[in-house]
Amino acid sequence: MKAFIWLNILFVVNVYGALQRVDPLVLIGQGLVKGIKASDSDYSKFLGIPYAKVDLNNPFGAAQAAPEFEEEIFQAYDNSRICPQTNYGGVKFSGNSENESPDCLQLNVYSPSKASTLSPLPVLVWIHGGIFIGGSANEYNVPDLVKQGIVVVTVNYRLGPYGFMCLDDPAVPGNQGLKDQYAALQWVRNNIAAFGGNPYNVTLAGQSAGSASVLLQLYSSKEKLFNKVIAQSGTPLSPSFFVTGDSDVAIKLANYLGLNTTDNQQALEFLASSHHSLVTGASADLKIGFKPCKEKSFSGVDNFIDSEPYAFSNERKIRNTPILIGNTDQEVDDIRINLMNGDDFYNQDFFYASLKGKFNLENGQLQEIAEIVRHFYIGDTTISEEVKIEAAEFLSDYEFNHPIQDTITNLIKDNANPVYEYVFTYTGDSGEGGAPHSAELEYLFDFQQNYRSRSEADQIVADRIVTLWANFIKYGNPTPETSDLIPVKWSPVTETTRPYLNIGADLRMEDRFLRERLAFWELFQSVYGKYSSLARQCDY
């Protein structure tokens, strides 16, 4: 009877769906999926599809295969489930805590009505940001991109202790969040054709921690399940996006929650049976930064990351991969400084404190190089809130600007081609300062639609960035032709030149972003890079 019902449903879908998707019903390996016809444009959305399953007996370890649907038709109407979030600066990144669950490996598919198996469309797979402890697939408004003839997929992946606990234990070797992302890519390869997407024309994209994730997927030894990459404001070369794993972290969390043990297995069993809010709460209280790490090697366990980020190289996989990469012109501003560091930031030598986490030097030597950096940014001025502009410039350069330039250099060495660099500088009506971290998302996804409406100038910027990104997704070239909207031809970087597109109120091609400040960091790295805790043996 079940097979008979499916055959009748598929007959209707095949007869009418090839011409027009009247009823968004799709058959995939897990069963039938029914979506929702969008009310804001001509597309269908399939929400909360499980692409893998978390083993709740070990929610910190490997995911299980995606389950077959229990019902005749899976109602893909609800994308409210999110992965457990960890407080950051007293604030949670995403959604209602009532919607959190460790078994959160779901994705959303947004498919234009014109998409069909006969005429498959290019696919964008989006990895959200949130410093690897927050965020979800459900924060992004995609109609503008879908209107461009693109199938969009947004992905949940495990976060914080559930996604990035790196232990000396084969059951929890680390980077499960990245492995979740890879499982989602496998799901896309196997199933996206049913939604009218081309599984062999996939762009993997993300912002902030999502961008670092995208680059880690690119450098991994896993099969390449995408064709193009968009990396926005994040790289594993940033000190904020890679850590040395703490093999005792499960014990520390369990001890904090009241279990007196020094046994890792006991700690894991205790944490697995504890409510996820207690585990993430302990992580926040102990200020543990769960992020990607170099995994220890175990027999029979495949590593996702087996080296430090400065040692990353994978020319076989990266060669001839189109890359679109860049950042905003003021990644760190006053708001982000306060969020990241609290009120005590200006009561310490933040130059020394920042460098301390990256360089393996005696305190005296570390103080010497911190003095060099301090003199470059503030001269002999005393550290206080009076130097907040210079502090923001330092942190922007240290955490984002120079690591991203370093990443571009490495991608060129591995023969990525073409590589398009951008800097987003638009500040809207304020006209003050620069564009902070995540600013471009408001225009690519209408990210803050609940907070303000767009002016005419805002809308032009949104139309431009959506068109540029869509062109890249479709053609591997953001400006295959110029137009009144896009009057500038975007030139790719080379081994010897660094042109970039300045995306502001106007579009302008410029070269060598922040050349004086970043030249300082190039020289600094050439002298002191060998002492970095992430250093590799190479010529800088």
Protein backbone atom coordinates (compact mmCIF):
# COMPACT_ATOMS: atom_id res chain seq x y z
CA MET A 1 0.00 0.00 0.00
CA LYS A 2 2.84 2.42 0.92
CA ALA A 3 4.57 1.89 -2.42
CA PHE A 4 1.23 2.34 -4.24
CA ILE A 5 0.64 5.70 -2.53
CA TRP A 6 4.14 6.88 -3.42
CA LEU A 7 3.69 5.86 -7.07
CA ASN A 8 0.45 7.80 -7.34
CA ILE A 9 1.95 10.88 -5.73
CA LEU A 10 5.02 10.71 -7.94
CA PHE A 11 2.81 10.39 -11.03
CA VAL A 12 1.18 13.72 -10.19
CA VAL A 13 4.57 15.32 -9.42
CA ASN A 14 6.14 14.03 -12.64
CA VAL A 15 3.23 15.06 -14.89
CA TYR A 16 2.72 18.54 -13.50
CA GLY A 17 5.89 19.31 -11.58
CA ALA A 18 8.18 19.35 -14.64
CA LEU A 19 6.18 22.31 -15.94
CA GLN A 20 5.30 24.09 -12.71
CA ARG A 21 5.75 23.09 -9.10
CA VAL A 22 2.14 23.48 -7.99
CA ASP A 23 2.67 21.37 -4.90
CA PRO A 24 6.22 21.39 -3.52
CA LEU A 25 6.56 17.66 -3.01
CA VAL A 26 9.91 15.94 -3.54
CA LEU A 27 11.13 12.35 -3.28
CA ILE A 28 14.60 11.81 -1.81
CA GLY A 29 16.36 8.78 -0.37
CA GLN A 30 14.77 9.30 3.05
CA GLY A 31 11.24 9.46 1.63
CA LEU A 32 8.79 12.11 0.47
CA VAL A 33 9.28 15.72 1.56
CA LYS A 34 6.53 18.29 1.38
CA GLY A 35 7.49 21.95 1.51
CA ILE A 36 5.74 25.30 1.55
CA LYS A 37 5.02 27.56 -1.38
CA ALA A 38 6.60 30.91 -0.44
CA SER A 39 4.37 33.95 -0.17
CA ASP A 40 7.09 36.55 -0.83
CA SER A 41 8.32 35.28 -4.20
CA ASP A 42 8.08 32.43 -6.69
CA TYR A 43 9.89 29.67 -4.84
CA SER A 44 9.34 26.79 -2.43
CA LYS A 45 10.95 26.25 0.94
CA PHE A 46 11.64 22.94 2.61
CA LEU A 47 12.44 23.56 6.26
CA GLY A 48 14.09 21.45 8.94
CA ILE A 49 15.06 18.43 6.85
CA PRO A 50 17.27 16.07 8.90
CA TYR A 51 20.50 15.34 7.05
CA ALA A 52 22.11 13.28 9.84
CA LYS A 53 21.28 12.14 13.37
CA VAL A 54 23.11 12.75 16.63
CA ASP A 55 23.76 9.74 18.86
CA LEU A 56 22.35 11.02 22.15
CA ASN A 57 24.43 8.45 24.03
CA ASN A 58 27.47 10.33 22.72
CA PRO A 59 26.22 13.75 21.54
CA PHE A 60 29.84 14.96 21.30
CA GLY A 61 30.91 12.29 18.81
CA ALA A 62 30.30 11.11 15.27
CA ALA A 63 26.87 11.67 13.75
CA GLN A 64 24.80 8.79 12.39
CA ALA A 65 23.32 8.48 8.91
CA ALA A 66 20.22 10.47 8.10
CA PRO A 67 17.14 8.47 9.12
CA GLU A 68 14.32 7.49 6.79
CA PHE A 69 11.16 9.44 7.48
CA GLU A 70 8.75 7.79 9.89
CA GLU A 71 5.67 9.28 8.23
CA GLU A 72 4.45 8.73 4.67
CA ILE A 73 5.34 12.35 3.92
CA PHE A 74 7.79 14.47 5.91
CA GLN A 75 6.20 17.87 6.52
CA ALA A 76 9.14 20.26 5.99
CA TYR A 77 7.38 23.22 7.54
CA ASP A 78 9.34 23.91 10.73
CA ASN A 79 12.92 25.16 11.00
CA SER A 80 12.74 26.31 14.60
CA ARG A 81 15.12 23.67 15.97
CA ILE A 82 18.61 24.99 16.65
CA CYS A 83 21.77 23.49 18.10
CA PRO A 84 22.58 24.27 21.75
CA GLN A 85 23.95 27.79 22.02
CA THR A 86 26.58 29.11 24.43
CA ASN A 87 26.31 32.57 25.93
CA TYR A 88 28.79 35.11 24.59
CA GLY A 89 29.14 38.34 26.50
CA GLY A 90 25.95 37.44 28.35
CA VAL A 91 23.96 37.12 25.11
CA LYS A 92 22.85 34.08 23.14
CA PHE A 93 23.30 34.25 19.40
CA SER A 94 20.18 32.68 18.05
CA GLY A 95 16.57 31.91 18.73
CA ASN A 96 14.67 30.66 21.74
CA SER A 97 16.44 28.29 24.12
CA GLU A 98 13.26 26.17 24.15
CA ASN A 99 14.07 25.23 20.55
CA GLU A 100 17.58 23.96 21.35
CA SER A 101 18.35 20.28 21.01
CA PRO A 102 21.61 18.32 20.61
CA ASP A 103 19.85 16.37 17.84
CA CYS A 104 19.78 19.43 15.60
CA LEU A 105 21.33 18.34 12.32
CA GLN A 106 18.81 19.84 9.95
CA LEU A 107 18.99 21.99 6.85
CA ASN A 108 16.67 24.20 4.82
CA VAL A 109 16.30 24.14 1.03
CA TYR A 110 14.93 27.12 -0.90
CA SER A 111 14.20 26.28 -4.53
CA PRO A 112 12.93 28.55 -7.34
CA SER A 113 9.73 27.29 -8.93
CA LYS A 114 11.46 27.14 -12.30
CA ALA A 115 13.99 24.61 -10.94
CA SER A 116 13.54 21.07 -12.23
CA THR A 117 15.49 17.90 -12.79
CA LEU A 118 15.40 18.72 -16.50
CA SER A 119 17.00 22.13 -15.98
CA PRO A 120 18.95 22.07 -12.69
CA LEU A 121 20.10 25.34 -11.17
CA PRO A 122 23.34 26.25 -9.41
CA VAL A 123 23.38 25.67 -5.66
CA LEU A 124 24.56 27.82 -2.76
CA VAL A 125 25.30 26.02 0.52
CA TRP A 126 25.56 28.57 3.34
CA ILE A 127 27.43 27.93 6.62
CA HIS A 128 26.42 30.33 9.39
CA GLY A 129 28.75 32.22 11.69
CA GLY A 130 28.72 32.63 15.48
CA ILE A 131 32.28 31.94 16.74
CA PHE A 132 31.49 28.20 16.69
CA ILE A 133 29.26 28.56 19.77
CA GLY A 134 26.10 30.14 18.36
CA GLY A 135 23.97 30.83 15.31
CA SER A 136 21.73 28.69 13.14
CA ALA A 137 20.58 27.97 9.60
CA ASN A 138 17.35 29.83 10.24
CA GLU A 139 18.62 33.42 10.47
CA TYR A 140 18.90 34.16 6.75
CA ASN A 141 16.31 35.62 4.38
CA VAL A 142 17.06 34.24 0.93
CA PRO A 143 14.41 35.50 -1.56
CA ASP A 144 16.78 37.94 -3.26
CA LEU A 145 19.27 35.17 -4.03
CA VAL A 146 16.57 32.68 -5.02
CA LYS A 147 15.16 35.23 -7.49
CA GLN A 148 18.53 35.08 -9.23
CA GLY A 149 17.88 31.44 -10.16
CA ILE A 150 19.81 29.77 -7.36
CA VAL A 151 18.86 26.89 -5.06
CA VAL A 152 19.91 27.94 -1.54
CA VAL A 153 20.70 25.52 1.30
CA THR A 154 21.34 26.71 4.87
CA VAL A 155 22.80 24.30 7.43
CA ASN A 156 22.72 23.69 11.19
CA TYR A 157 25.84 22.10 12.70
CA ARG A 158 26.79 21.28 16.28
CA LEU A 159 28.38 24.09 18.26
CA GLY A 160 30.38 24.68 21.41
CA PRO A 161 31.11 21.55 23.48
CA TYR A 162 28.85 19.44 21.25
CA GLY A 163 30.63 20.37 18.05
CA PHE A 164 34.19 21.25 19.00
CA MET A 165 35.29 19.27 22.02
CA CYS A 166 38.77 17.99 21.08
CA LEU A 167 39.84 15.14 23.36
CA ASP A 168 42.53 12.48 23.54
CA ASP A 169 39.75 9.99 22.93
CA PRO A 170 38.78 8.22 19.67
CA ALA A 171 35.08 8.67 20.54
CA VAL A 172 35.46 12.47 20.62
CA PRO A 173 38.55 13.37 18.58
CA GLY A 174 37.28 16.85 17.70
CA ASN A 175 35.78 19.03 14.98
CA GLN A 176 32.41 17.27 14.96
CA GLY A 177 30.79 20.52 13.83
CA LEU A 178 32.98 20.51 10.71
CA LYS A 179 32.18 16.85 10.14
CA ASP A 180 28.48 17.74 10.43
CA GLN A 181 28.97 20.33 7.70
CA TYR A 182 30.61 17.71 5.51
CA ALA A 183 27.69 15.34 6.11
CA ALA A 184 25.40 18.14 4.92
CA LEU A 185 27.50 18.49 1.76
CA GLN A 186 27.16 14.74 1.19
CA TRP A 187 23.40 15.09 1.60
CA VAL A 188 23.38 17.91 -0.96
CA ARG A 189 25.40 15.83 -3.43
CA ASN A 190 22.96 12.92 -3.07
CA ASN A 191 19.64 14.77 -2.87
CA ILE A 192 19.71 18.30 -4.23
CA ALA A 193 18.85 17.21 -7.80
CA ALA A 194 15.38 16.29 -6.54
CA PHE A 195 14.90 19.96 -5.62
CA GLY A 196 16.07 21.15 -9.04
CA GLY A 197 19.65 21.87 -7.98
CA ASN A 198 22.78 20.85 -9.83
CA PRO A 199 24.86 18.68 -7.45
CA TYR A 200 27.95 19.39 -9.57
CA ASN A 201 27.62 23.17 -9.51
CA VAL A 202 27.76 23.95 -5.79
CA THR A 203 29.21 27.05 -4.16
CA LEU A 204 30.16 26.63 -0.50
CA ALA A 205 29.92 29.94 1.35
CA GLY A 206 29.95 31.36 4.87
CA GLN A 207 30.69 34.36 7.01
CA SER A 208 32.89 34.76 10.11
CA ALA A 209 33.19 31.30 11.72
CA GLY A 210 31.23 30.04 8.73
CA SER A 211 33.90 31.46 6.44
CA ALA A 212 36.67 29.79 8.46
CA SER A 213 34.64 26.56 8.21
CA VAL A 214 34.39 26.89 4.43
CA LEU A 215 38.17 27.26 4.14
CA LEU A 216 38.70 24.28 6.45
CA GLN A 217 36.41 22.25 4.19
CA LEU A 218 38.51 23.39 1.22
CA TYR A 219 41.80 22.40 2.84
CA SER A 220 40.58 19.08 4.25
CA SER A 221 41.56 15.80 2.63
CA LYS A 222 37.88 14.86 2.22
CA GLU A 223 36.32 14.53 -1.23
CA LYS A 224 35.60 17.92 -2.78
CA LEU A 225 31.79 18.19 -2.91
CA PHE A 226 31.67 21.81 -4.13
CA ASN A 227 33.06 23.79 -7.04
CA LYS A 228 33.41 27.36 -5.82
CA VAL A 229 34.04 29.10 -2.49
CA ILE A 230 32.86 32.36 -0.91
CA ALA A 231 34.71 33.30 2.31
CA GLN A 232 33.44 36.41 4.11
CA SER A 233 35.33 37.83 7.12
CA GLY A 234 36.83 34.65 8.52
CA THR A 235 39.84 32.37 8.15
CA PRO A 236 41.44 29.61 10.25
CA LEU A 237 44.59 31.78 10.26
CA SER A 238 42.79 34.19 12.58
CA PRO A 239 43.71 33.71 16.28
CA SER A 240 39.96 33.71 17.03
CA PHE A 241 39.10 30.73 14.84
CA PHE A 242 41.54 27.97 15.81
CA VAL A 243 42.67 26.62 19.17
CA THR A 244 44.91 23.99 20.68
CA GLY A 245 42.53 21.34 21.98
CA ASP A 246 42.23 20.79 25.73
CA SER A 247 42.12 17.03 26.35
CA ASP A 248 40.82 17.59 29.91
CA VAL A 249 37.93 19.87 29.01
CA ALA A 250 35.21 17.22 29.54
CA ILE A 251 36.56 16.59 33.04
CA LYS A 252 36.61 20.34 33.76
CA LEU A 253 32.98 20.72 32.67
CA ALA A 254 31.86 17.68 34.66
CA ASN A 255 33.74 18.86 37.76
CA TYR A 256 32.10 22.29 37.47
CA LEU A 257 28.69 20.61 37.30
CA GLY A 258 29.37 18.61 40.46
CA LEU A 259 30.91 15.29 39.37
CA ASN A 260 34.14 14.54 41.19
CA THR A 261 36.14 12.58 38.62
CA THR A 262 39.43 12.54 36.78
CA ASP A 263 38.25 9.89 34.32
CA ASN A 264 37.46 11.17 30.85
CA GLN A 265 34.91 8.43 30.06
CA GLN A 266 33.00 9.05 33.27
CA ALA A 267 32.97 12.77 32.52
CA LEU A 268 31.60 12.20 29.00
CA GLU A 269 28.87 9.87 30.23
CA PHE A 270 27.89 12.41 32.88
CA LEU A 271 27.80 15.28 30.37
CA ALA A 272 25.83 13.19 27.86
CA SER A 273 23.15 12.60 30.50
CA SER A 274 23.12 16.25 31.62
CA HIS A 275 20.72 18.76 30.10
CA HIS A 276 22.40 20.64 27.28
CA SER A 277 21.71 24.01 28.92
CA LEU A 278 23.84 22.96 31.91
CA VAL A 279 26.71 21.91 29.63
CA THR A 280 26.67 25.12 27.56
CA GLY A 281 26.17 27.16 30.72
CA ALA A 282 29.26 25.61 32.29
CA SER A 283 31.19 26.35 29.09
CA ALA A 284 30.19 30.00 29.30
CA ASP A 285 30.97 30.29 33.01
CA LEU A 286 34.40 28.72 32.53
CA LYS A 287 34.98 30.89 29.43
CA ILE A 288 36.04 27.90 27.35
CA GLY A 289 36.46 28.71 23.67
CA PHE A 290 35.36 25.70 21.64
CA LYS A 291 36.77 26.00 18.12
CA PRO A 292 38.39 23.87 15.42
CA CYS A 293 41.60 22.17 16.47
CA LYS A 294 44.31 19.84 15.26
CA GLU A 295 43.02 16.35 16.06
CA LYS A 296 45.05 13.58 17.65
CA SER A 297 45.47 10.47 15.51
CA PHE A 298 43.69 7.21 16.34
CA SER A 299 43.65 3.94 14.47
CA GLY A 300 40.49 3.59 12.42
CA VAL A 301 39.42 7.23 12.94
CA ASP A 302 39.68 9.68 10.02
CA ASN A 303 40.98 13.09 10.98
CA PHE A 304 39.35 16.18 9.54
CA ILE A 305 42.25 18.44 10.59
CA ASP A 306 45.65 16.85 11.15
CA SER A 307 47.92 19.92 11.09
CA GLU A 308 48.10 23.50 12.34
CA PRO A 309 46.50 26.08 10.02
CA TYR A 310 49.77 27.65 8.87
CA ALA A 311 50.72 24.22 7.51
CA PHE A 312 47.55 23.92 5.41
CA SER A 313 48.18 23.15 1.77
CA ASN A 314 46.12 21.12 -0.68
CA GLU A 315 47.01 22.12 -4.21
CA ARG A 316 45.32 19.08 -5.72
CA LYS A 317 41.99 20.14 -4.27
CA ILE A 318 42.39 23.92 -4.52
CA ARG A 319 43.86 24.20 -8.03
CA ASN A 320 41.53 26.11 -10.39
CA THR A 321 38.90 26.63 -7.70
CA PRO A 322 37.19 30.03 -8.07
CA ILE A 323 37.35 31.94 -4.77
CA LEU A 324 35.52 35.11 -3.68
CA ILE A 325 37.04 36.36 -0.43
CA GLY A 326 37.14 39.54 1.62
CA ASN A 327 35.98 41.41 4.68
CA THR A 328 34.58 44.69 5.96
CA ASP A 329 36.80 47.72 6.43
CA GLN A 330 36.25 47.96 10.21
CA GLU A 331 35.82 44.41 11.39
CA VAL A 332 36.25 45.38 15.03
CA ASP A 333 34.47 48.46 16.38
CA ASP A 334 33.59 49.74 19.86
CA ILE A 335 30.58 47.46 20.13
CA ARG A 336 32.57 44.35 19.23
CA ILE A 337 35.41 45.31 21.60
CA ASN A 338 32.96 45.56 24.48
CA LEU A 339 31.23 42.33 23.48
CA MET A 340 34.50 40.41 23.14
CA ASN A 341 36.34 41.81 26.13
CA GLY A 342 33.99 43.52 28.57
CA ASP A 343 34.60 46.72 30.50
CA ASP A 344 38.14 45.81 31.58
CA PHE A 345 39.62 45.92 28.09
CA TYR A 346 41.30 49.31 28.50
CA ASN A 347 42.58 48.47 31.98
CA GLN A 348 45.14 46.03 30.53
CA ASP A 349 47.86 45.98 27.92
CA PHE A 350 45.64 44.56 25.23
CA PHE A 351 48.56 44.38 22.77
CA TYR A 352 50.41 42.01 25.09
CA ALA A 353 47.25 40.08 25.98
CA SER A 354 46.40 39.52 22.31
CA LEU A 355 49.89 38.44 21.24
CA LYS A 356 50.32 36.18 24.26
CA GLY A 357 47.84 33.66 22.90
CA LYS A 358 49.71 33.27 19.63
CA PHE A 359 53.44 33.46 20.29
CA ASN A 360 55.61 30.95 22.15
CA LEU A 361 58.03 33.37 23.79
CA GLU A 362 59.31 34.10 27.27
CA ASN A 363 57.46 36.94 28.95
CA GLY A 364 60.33 39.37 28.47
CA GLN A 365 60.58 38.66 24.75
CA LEU A 366 56.83 38.77 24.36
CA GLN A 367 56.76 42.14 26.10
CA GLU A 368 59.35 43.42 23.63
CA ILE A 369 57.33 42.52 20.57
CA ALA A 370 54.14 43.81 22.19
CA GLU A 371 55.93 47.14 22.66
CA ILE A 372 56.79 47.21 18.95
CA VAL A 373 53.15 46.72 18.04
CA ARG A 374 51.97 49.25 20.62
CA HIS A 375 54.37 51.90 19.32
CA PHE A 376 53.14 51.33 15.77
CA TYR A 377 49.49 51.88 16.69
CA ILE A 378 49.52 54.41 19.56
CA GLY A 379 53.11 55.63 19.94
CA ASP A 380 53.83 56.45 23.58
CA THR A 381 50.21 57.19 24.44
CA THR A 382 48.90 55.55 27.61
CA ILE A 383 46.38 52.77 27.05
CA SER A 384 42.90 54.06 27.83
CA GLU A 385 39.57 54.61 26.11
CA GLU A 386 41.20 57.61 24.41
CA VAL A 387 42.85 55.15 22.01
CA LYS A 388 39.69 53.19 21.19
CA ILE A 389 39.98 53.98 17.48
CA GLU A 390 43.56 52.69 17.36
CA ALA A 391 42.57 49.66 19.46
CA ALA A 392 39.87 48.82 16.93
CA GLU A 393 42.38 49.18 14.08
CA PHE A 394 44.85 46.88 15.83
CA LEU A 395 42.27 44.19 16.54
CA SER A 396 40.85 44.45 13.01
CA ASP A 397 44.33 43.98 11.53
CA TYR A 398 45.39 41.26 13.95
CA GLU A 399 42.20 39.21 13.89
CA PHE A 400 40.94 39.75 10.33
CA ASN A 401 42.75 41.98 7.85
CA HIS A 402 46.20 40.42 7.89
CA PRO A 403 45.05 36.79 8.34
CA ILE A 404 42.74 37.20 5.34
CA GLN A 405 45.56 38.66 3.23
CA ASP A 406 47.76 35.77 4.37
CA THR A 407 45.01 33.35 3.34
CA ILE A 408 44.80 34.91 -0.12
CA THR A 409 48.57 34.50 -0.50
CA ASN A 410 48.31 30.82 0.43
CA LEU A 411 45.38 30.22 -1.93
CA ILE A 412 47.34 31.75 -4.80
CA LYS A 413 50.32 29.51 -3.92
CA ASP A 414 48.00 26.51 -4.19
CA ASN A 415 46.84 27.78 -7.60
CA ALA A 416 43.28 28.74 -6.73
CA ASN A 417 41.97 30.53 -9.80
CA PRO A 418 40.44 33.02 -10.18
CA VAL A 419 40.55 34.72 -6.75
CA TYR A 420 38.37 37.81 -6.32
CA GLU A 421 38.98 40.05 -3.31
CA TYR A 422 36.49 42.58 -1.92
CA VAL A 423 36.26 45.04 0.96
CA PHE A 424 32.77 46.07 2.10
CA THR A 425 32.80 49.73 3.18
CA TYR A 426 29.17 50.85 3.02
CA THR A 427 27.87 52.41 6.23
CA GLY A 428 24.40 53.54 5.20
CA ASP A 429 22.99 56.77 6.53
CA SER A 430 25.47 57.11 9.39
CA GLY A 431 28.43 57.89 7.16
CA GLU A 432 30.69 57.49 10.20
CA GLY A 433 33.53 55.07 10.83
CA GLY A 434 33.64 51.95 8.74
CA ALA A 435 31.50 48.92 8.09
CA PRO A 436 31.69 46.54 11.10
CA HIS A 437 31.81 42.75 11.17
CA SER A 438 28.73 41.20 9.51
CA ALA A 439 27.62 44.50 7.95
CA GLU A 440 27.32 43.03 4.45
CA LEU A 441 24.85 40.36 5.60
CA GLU A 442 22.15 43.01 5.96
CA TYR A 443 22.33 43.57 2.21
CA LEU A 444 23.00 40.01 1.03
CA PHE A 445 20.23 38.46 3.18
CA ASP A 446 18.27 41.43 4.55
CA PHE A 447 19.82 40.12 7.74
CA GLN A 448 18.33 42.80 10.00
CA GLN A 449 14.94 43.14 8.33
CA ASN A 450 13.19 43.59 11.67
CA TYR A 451 15.32 46.55 12.71
CA ARG A 452 15.18 49.02 9.88
CA SER A 453 13.84 49.50 6.36
CA ARG A 454 16.10 50.10 3.40
CA SER A 455 16.63 53.52 1.89
CA GLU A 456 17.04 53.91 -1.87
CA ALA A 457 20.83 53.93 -1.42
CA ASP A 458 20.65 50.80 0.77
CA GLN A 459 18.61 49.02 -1.87
CA ILE A 460 21.15 49.80 -4.60
CA VAL A 461 23.92 48.33 -2.44
CA ALA A 462 21.76 45.25 -1.77
CA ASP A 463 20.98 44.82 -5.47
CA ARG A 464 24.66 45.09 -6.32
CA ILE A 465 26.01 42.64 -3.75
CA VAL A 466 23.27 40.09 -4.51
CA THR A 467 23.99 40.37 -8.25
CA LEU A 468 27.76 40.09 -7.79
CA TRP A 469 27.46 37.06 -5.51
CA ALA A 470 24.86 35.43 -7.75
CA ASN A 471 27.04 35.91 -10.84
CA PHE A 472 29.93 34.27 -9.03
CA ILE A 473 27.73 31.37 -7.91
CA LYS A 474 26.44 30.84 -11.45
CA TYR A 475 29.51 31.61 -13.55
CA GLY A 476 32.57 31.71 -11.26
CA ASN A 477 32.91 35.37 -12.29
CA PRO A 478 31.11 38.16 -10.39
CA THR A 479 31.18 40.51 -13.41
CA PRO A 480 30.78 38.50 -16.61
CA GLU A 481 29.53 41.76 -18.10
CA THR A 482 29.09 45.33 -16.92
CA SER A 483 25.77 47.16 -16.63
CA ASP A 484 24.24 50.31 -15.17
CA LEU A 485 23.95 48.48 -11.84
CA ILE A 486 27.45 46.95 -12.02
CA PRO A 487 29.54 49.43 -14.06
CA VAL A 488 32.92 48.02 -12.91
CA LYS A 489 34.81 44.96 -14.11
CA TRP A 490 36.12 43.03 -11.06
CA SER A 491 39.74 41.98 -11.66
CA PRO A 492 41.11 38.91 -9.86
CA VAL A 493 44.28 38.97 -7.76
CA THR A 494 47.53 37.53 -9.06
CA GLU A 495 50.87 36.49 -7.56
CA THR A 496 52.12 40.07 -7.86
CA THR A 497 49.00 42.28 -7.74
CA ARG A 498 46.22 42.69 -5.17
CA PRO A 499 43.26 44.47 -6.76
CA TYR A 500 40.05 44.46 -4.74
CA LEU A 501 36.51 45.69 -5.24
CA ASN A 502 35.53 48.42 -2.78
CA ILE A 503 31.81 47.85 -2.19
CA GLY A 504 30.55 51.13 -0.81
CA ALA A 505 27.98 53.66 -1.96
CA ASP A 506 29.74 53.17 -5.30
CA LEU A 507 31.79 50.31 -6.72
CA ARG A 508 35.50 51.04 -7.20
CA MET A 509 38.48 48.88 -8.06
CA GLU A 510 41.40 49.69 -5.75
CA ASP A 511 44.58 47.87 -4.79
CA ARG A 512 46.47 46.77 -1.67
CA PHE A 513 43.90 47.27 1.08
CA LEU A 514 45.41 49.19 4.05
CA ARG A 515 48.83 48.82 2.46
CA GLU A 516 50.81 50.63 5.18
CA ARG A 517 49.32 48.81 8.15
CA LEU A 518 49.37 45.42 6.49
CA ALA A 519 52.94 45.93 5.26
CA PHE A 520 53.87 46.34 8.94
CA TRP A 521 52.30 42.97 9.72
CA GLU A 522 54.07 41.32 6.78
CA LEU A 523 57.39 42.56 8.13
CA PHE A 524 56.41 41.63 11.68
CA GLN A 525 55.51 38.12 10.58
CA SER A 526 58.73 37.70 8.61
CA VAL A 527 60.73 38.35 11.80
CA TYR A 528 58.52 36.83 14.52
CA GLY A 529 56.30 34.39 12.64
CA LYS A 530 58.61 31.48 13.46
CA TYR A 531 57.71 31.93 17.13
CA SER A 532 53.98 31.66 16.47
CA SER A 533 52.20 28.76 18.13
CA LEU A 534 50.59 28.20 14.72
CA ALA A 535 53.79 28.69 12.71
CA ARG A 536 54.79 26.59 9.76
CA GLN A 537 58.14 26.10 8.10
CA CYS A 538 57.87 28.31 5.05
CA ASP A 539 59.05 31.52 3.50
CA TYR A 540 56.83 34.38 4.47
